[in-house]
């Protein structure tokens, strides 16, 4: 770790070079801190800059805006001292905060982990760090700055797990692991939005399964999701080789496999960040209802009748507690309620059934396919393995039909006026007739307006004329 080389790279960066010039010219203490500097010390370059400056130097913010021809927006709460000034533009982000303490040394001692407690003064080109920071970066070790770090902000427990998922090759300090285990209930004192944002980042990380595994091992998982406790050691049927909780945790890992499968077999399918999150959360919550629906028949076979509905109810309570957006909540619930649809299709399933499925699932069809594939891979029981080829073939056919937008969003071939022209009065019956025509359209039996009007006349004309 050559600090002179790191200094050279910093001052060769066009943005940092300009900000260094301004800091010297205005005689302002201005520091490059945290993640950008950590990554640079690890030999990685990013465009995510983190800065700090004394609060009494706040006019310097306007100087930065003028020099970069960009404008900051505020995030956080002024009264809690958590304001961050942020710029996001074309793959670059800048975060600027005020020093927590009178000096950079005091600020660094209040930070979360030693690997983030490093700074470089753009005013006088000097490095600053807490004791052990450079060694921990070199050893790739996540360790708190002080034994009060978690107490000052319990969210740091989740943040440590996020770093475990995002910083390649990093391990967590043994003492920090133990501290998270013993202090896990402190997480409940935090605002739900802060918790959910960290969970989102863990699930969107390169290694979400690593995060879920650590959450489970530390028991933090049940502090966040007590509704899942009943899945632990809950035996399943011959479709599964694991208990219900182990199966749920494995699904998070197998979603990555499903992404790879889709990439090979249907590269047209692309997901945005919201879709990926919905898929992971649906995987975590899809089987919660099994603890409420466990039963055995006279032959000793295990069943979980209607567990999808119970799972959706429990998931809804969790998402209300963690303040999910209505849009995200509805998408996740839609997936949970329908997560058995593809898996339950038989080898002899007819084309009309596939078309109805795609129409009913709508825009979430690719997500349901991915969830079904992950669910299949996380279920390696005797009966499940026998169905591998069938399920994958059904997933491909479902995606093929999803491309036919007339199935997902079929254009109306007739209107209520057409129905009422047959003698029907305005009312529920008109809606039922339109729904019937639409279903036949989705199933491919009606292809145009002429055919729709013919079915309307032949099937409903006499009744309307009475």
Foldseek 3Di string as FASTA:
>chain_A
DDLVVLLVVQCVPVLLVVVLVVCQVVVFWKKWFFDQSLCVLVVDHAQETEMEGAPVVVVVQVVSCVVVVFAWDWDDDVVVQPIWTWDDDDRHIYTYHYAPDDDLQVSLLQDFWQCGSKIATSNPGDIDGQPCNSVCSVVQETHGSDPCRCVVPVCSLLVSLLCVQAPPPHDYDPVSLVVCLVCLLVVVVDALQSNVVSLLSLLVGNCVLSSVVSCVVSVNVCSLQVLQPLQVPADAFLQADDTRQLLLSQLSVLLVVLVVVCCVQPVVDDDDSLLSSLLNLLSNQLQSQQSVQWDADPVRGTDRPQSLVVSLVSSLVSCVRSVDDPVSNVLNNLLSNCLCVLVPDDLPDDLLSLLQVCQVSAPCLLSSLSSNSSSLVSGDGPVSVVCVVVSVVSSSVSVVSNVVVCSNPNDQQDDLVLLVVLQDDDDDVSVVLSVVLSSCCSSVNDPHNVSSSVCSCVPPNVVNVD
